[in-house]
Protein backbone atom coordinates (compact mmCIF):
# COMPACT_ATOMS: atom_id res chain seq x y z
CA UNK A 1 75.22 152.59 177.18
CA UNK A 2 77.30 149.41 177.08
CA UNK A 3 80.99 149.06 176.38
CA UNK A 4 80.12 147.57 173.00
CA UNK A 5 78.00 150.61 172.12
CA UNK A 6 80.88 152.95 172.97
CA UNK A 7 83.33 150.87 170.92
CA UNK A 8 80.96 150.88 167.92
CA UNK A 9 80.52 154.67 168.13
CA UNK A 10 84.29 155.22 168.28
CA UNK A 11 84.74 152.79 165.38
CA UNK A 12 82.23 154.73 163.27
CA UNK A 13 83.83 158.06 164.15
CA UNK A 14 87.25 156.76 163.14
CA UNK A 15 85.82 155.63 159.80
CA UNK A 16 84.11 158.99 159.19
CA UNK A 17 87.12 161.11 160.10
CA UNK A 18 89.51 158.84 158.19
CA UNK A 19 87.53 158.98 154.94
CA UNK A 20 86.50 162.62 155.34
CA UNK A 21 89.99 163.73 156.29
CA UNK A 22 91.53 161.81 153.41
CA UNK A 23 89.16 163.41 150.91
CA UNK A 24 89.95 166.82 152.41
CA UNK A 25 93.69 166.23 152.02
CA UNK A 26 93.26 165.16 148.41
CA UNK A 27 91.02 168.15 147.65
CA UNK A 28 93.52 170.56 149.20
CA UNK A 29 96.34 169.06 147.17
CA UNK A 30 94.71 170.31 143.99
CA UNK A 31 94.99 173.91 145.17
CA UNK A 32 98.57 173.40 146.35
CA UNK A 33 99.67 172.22 142.89
CA UNK A 34 97.69 174.83 140.94
CA UNK A 35 100.31 177.15 139.47
CA UNK A 36 97.61 179.62 138.43
CA UNK A 37 96.99 180.49 142.06
CA UNK A 38 99.03 183.04 143.95
CA UNK A 39 101.97 181.91 146.07
CA UNK A 40 100.06 182.91 149.20
CA UNK A 41 97.00 180.85 148.23
CA UNK A 42 99.17 177.80 147.54
CA UNK A 43 100.96 178.26 150.85
CA UNK A 44 97.65 178.29 152.72
CA UNK A 45 96.46 175.20 150.85
CA UNK A 46 99.75 173.46 151.61
CA UNK A 47 99.55 174.24 155.33
CA UNK A 48 95.94 173.06 155.48
CA UNK A 49 96.85 169.84 153.69
CA UNK A 50 99.86 169.05 155.88
CA UNK A 51 97.90 169.56 159.10
CA UNK A 52 94.74 167.84 157.88
CA UNK A 53 96.76 164.80 156.78
CA UNK A 54 97.42 163.97 160.42
CA UNK A 55 93.76 163.05 161.02
CA UNK A 56 93.53 160.02 158.67
CA UNK A 57 96.85 158.71 159.95
CA UNK A 58 95.69 158.93 163.56
CA UNK A 59 92.43 157.17 162.67
CA UNK A 60 94.46 154.38 161.06
CA UNK A 61 96.58 154.00 164.18
CA UNK A 62 93.56 153.54 166.47
CA UNK A 63 91.41 151.37 164.23
CA UNK A 64 92.97 148.01 165.06
CA UNK A 65 92.69 148.60 168.80
CA UNK A 66 89.01 149.56 168.60
CA UNK A 67 88.32 146.74 166.14
CA UNK A 68 90.12 144.24 168.37
CA UNK A 69 87.98 145.28 171.33
CA UNK A 70 84.84 144.85 169.23
CA UNK A 71 85.82 141.32 168.17
CA UNK A 72 85.71 140.28 171.81
CA UNK A 73 82.00 141.19 171.86
CA UNK A 74 81.47 138.93 168.86
CA UNK A 75 83.01 135.95 170.61
CA UNK A 76 86.54 136.11 169.18
CA UNK A 77 88.56 135.73 172.34
CA UNK A 78 92.23 136.65 172.56
CA UNK A 79 94.86 135.35 174.99
CA UNK A 80 95.83 137.92 177.60
CA UNK A 81 99.20 138.79 176.02
CA UNK A 82 97.55 139.37 172.65
CA UNK A 83 94.72 141.45 174.08
CA UNK A 84 97.19 143.63 175.98
CA UNK A 85 99.09 144.14 172.72
CA UNK A 86 95.88 145.13 170.94
CA UNK A 87 95.00 147.64 173.66
CA UNK A 88 98.49 149.20 173.64
CA UNK A 89 98.92 149.28 169.86
CA UNK A 90 96.58 152.20 169.21
CA UNK A 91 97.77 154.63 171.91
CA UNK A 92 101.47 153.92 171.25
CA UNK A 93 101.16 154.26 167.47
CA UNK A 94 98.94 157.34 167.91
CA UNK A 95 101.49 159.02 170.19
CA UNK A 96 104.37 158.24 167.81
CA UNK A 97 102.53 159.78 164.84
CA UNK A 98 101.66 162.91 166.81
CA UNK A 99 105.30 163.32 167.88
CA UNK A 100 106.52 162.82 164.30
CA UNK A 101 104.06 165.39 162.98
CA UNK A 102 104.98 168.15 165.41
CA UNK A 103 108.73 167.54 165.48
CA UNK A 104 109.46 167.03 161.82
CA UNK A 105 113.05 167.44 160.69
CA UNK A 106 114.78 166.29 163.87
CA UNK A 107 117.16 163.33 163.84
CA UNK A 108 114.89 161.37 166.17
CA UNK A 109 111.87 161.89 163.92
CA UNK A 110 113.84 160.77 160.87
CA UNK A 111 114.63 157.52 162.69
CA UNK A 112 111.04 157.18 163.90
CA UNK A 113 109.75 157.69 160.35
CA UNK A 114 111.93 154.85 159.08
CA UNK A 115 110.78 152.63 161.95
CA UNK A 116 107.16 153.51 161.19
CA UNK A 117 107.67 152.53 157.55
CA UNK A 118 109.08 149.11 158.49
CA UNK A 119 106.41 148.68 161.16
CA UNK A 120 103.66 149.15 158.56
CA UNK A 121 105.11 146.38 156.43
CA UNK A 122 105.26 144.15 159.51
CA UNK A 123 101.62 144.96 160.25
CA UNK A 124 100.57 143.98 156.71
CA UNK A 125 102.15 140.54 156.95
CA UNK A 126 101.14 140.04 160.60
CA UNK A 127 97.48 140.75 159.85
CA UNK A 128 97.46 138.38 156.87
CA UNK A 129 99.15 135.66 158.93
CA UNK A 130 96.72 136.23 161.81
CA UNK A 131 93.68 135.86 159.55
CA UNK A 132 95.13 132.72 157.94
CA UNK A 133 95.73 131.27 161.42
CA UNK A 134 92.21 132.22 162.49
CA UNK A 135 90.56 130.39 159.61
CA UNK A 136 92.97 127.44 159.78
CA UNK A 137 92.14 126.80 163.43
CA UNK A 138 88.43 127.71 163.15
CA UNK A 139 88.69 130.87 165.29
CA UNK A 140 86.93 132.97 162.66
CA UNK A 141 84.44 130.42 161.36
CA UNK A 142 81.54 131.93 163.29
CA UNK A 143 82.36 135.49 162.15
CA UNK A 144 84.22 135.21 158.81
CA UNK A 145 83.44 138.84 158.01
CA UNK A 146 85.95 139.88 160.67
CA UNK A 147 88.66 138.07 158.71
CA UNK A 148 87.56 139.86 155.54
CA UNK A 149 87.74 143.24 157.27
CA UNK A 150 91.23 142.50 158.57
CA UNK A 151 92.49 141.53 155.11
CA UNK A 152 91.06 144.76 153.71
CA UNK A 153 92.72 146.67 156.54
CA UNK A 154 96.05 145.12 155.57
CA UNK A 155 95.34 146.34 152.02
CA UNK A 156 94.67 149.83 153.41
CA UNK A 157 98.05 149.89 155.14
CA UNK A 158 99.67 148.64 151.92
CA UNK A 159 98.04 151.46 149.93
CA UNK A 160 99.40 153.93 152.48
CA UNK A 161 102.89 152.49 152.01
CA UNK A 162 102.59 152.84 148.24
CA UNK A 163 101.45 156.44 148.62
CA UNK A 164 104.49 157.14 150.78
CA UNK A 165 106.77 155.58 148.14
CA UNK A 166 105.36 157.78 145.38
CA UNK A 167 104.52 161.03 147.15
CA UNK A 168 108.05 162.23 147.94
CA UNK A 169 108.19 164.84 145.17
CA UNK A 170 104.82 166.22 146.16
CA UNK A 171 105.70 166.49 149.85
CA UNK A 172 109.00 168.21 149.04
CA UNK A 173 107.15 170.70 146.89
CA UNK A 174 104.55 171.35 149.60
CA UNK A 175 107.28 172.14 152.11
CA UNK A 176 108.95 174.43 149.60
CA UNK A 177 105.66 176.23 149.02
CA UNK A 178 105.13 176.69 152.74
CA UNK A 179 108.71 177.95 153.07
CA UNK A 180 108.32 180.20 149.99
CA UNK A 181 111.05 178.33 148.10
CA UNK A 182 109.21 176.72 145.18
CA UNK A 183 110.51 176.51 141.58
CA UNK A 184 109.36 175.07 138.24
CA UNK A 185 111.15 171.77 138.79
CA UNK A 186 109.37 171.36 142.12
CA UNK A 187 106.03 172.11 140.48
CA UNK A 188 106.58 169.43 137.85
CA UNK A 189 107.72 166.91 140.46
CA UNK A 190 104.61 167.63 142.54
CA UNK A 191 102.26 166.95 139.63
CA UNK A 192 104.01 163.72 138.64
CA UNK A 193 104.21 162.51 142.23
CA UNK A 194 100.54 163.20 142.90
CA UNK A 195 99.57 161.44 139.69
CA UNK A 196 101.40 158.26 140.76
CA UNK A 197 99.85 158.29 144.23
CA UNK A 198 96.30 159.09 143.08
CA UNK A 199 95.34 155.48 142.27
CA UNK A 200 96.25 154.34 145.79
CA UNK A 201 94.34 157.24 147.34
CA UNK A 202 91.20 156.25 145.44
CA UNK A 203 91.75 152.61 146.40
CA UNK A 204 91.77 153.64 150.06
CA UNK A 205 88.40 155.36 149.64
CA UNK A 206 86.93 152.28 147.96
CA UNK A 207 88.37 149.89 150.56
CA UNK A 208 87.01 152.01 153.42
CA UNK A 209 83.52 151.94 151.89
CA UNK A 210 83.73 148.16 151.41
CA UNK A 211 84.92 147.81 155.01
CA UNK A 212 81.93 149.82 156.20
CA UNK A 213 79.55 147.67 154.14
CA UNK A 214 80.99 144.45 155.55
CA UNK A 215 80.73 145.83 159.08
CA UNK A 216 77.03 146.59 158.57
CA UNK A 217 76.00 143.41 156.73
CA UNK A 218 78.36 141.01 158.59
CA UNK A 219 78.15 138.30 155.89
CA UNK A 220 78.41 134.75 157.23
CA UNK A 221 77.91 135.77 160.86
CA UNK A 222 76.60 132.86 162.92
CA UNK A 223 75.58 135.22 165.73
CA UNK A 224 73.65 137.51 163.39
CA UNK A 225 71.93 134.72 161.47
CA UNK A 226 71.14 132.41 164.39
CA UNK A 227 67.42 132.08 165.17
CA UNK A 228 66.13 133.73 168.35
CA UNK A 229 65.82 131.57 171.41
CA UNK A 230 62.36 130.13 171.95
CA UNK A 231 61.07 130.00 175.47
CA UNK A 232 58.94 127.00 176.42
CA UNK A 233 56.83 126.35 179.42
CA UNK A 234 56.42 123.02 181.14
CA UNK A 235 52.81 122.14 181.71
CA UNK A 236 52.09 120.27 184.90
């Protein structure tokens, strides 16, 4: 099994766990907001949702690193400094998200959460600028589908930012459910918050499916569409 094969398998697993985990989180949220259920049932649903939500976020954090490695196999070379940055991005971001998840409420995590929010905005603009540079200087001409996937990935990060901006009331309510401190105002805030975030959640599902389709078809790929080499023999 080659390095490319391993990278492709990891890439597919990240896609599957991201989409599957995200659907699981959304499905669990319906039980957490259902006032007809018992407090205990809603608490269980809330705990499942909070813990399951870590999986899609971790998949997001690793995707650019794995994708960057794969682009090298398709002939998109990176300078050493950039490739080192690509390799480090996933593990560092992954570790930060794990720490935030398991140490919520501390002063350090509050600062890290704000940094993570700003970092995501930086990533959106950096990815767009990188793709524009790639097409402007012909780096992506042979594999334009990679540029398309990167733009969609920037859109995925943007959708995540929008969810974070609109999901505050829901998250507060979930924590209150888990801590057995929920009230009618919290219930109403949860429903409204989830309603605002729902469109961005669905957009993420659609974008992930489009990303997967582009990765399979690879539209415009010179490598994929180039004719096979023909061997000739010299007759003497």
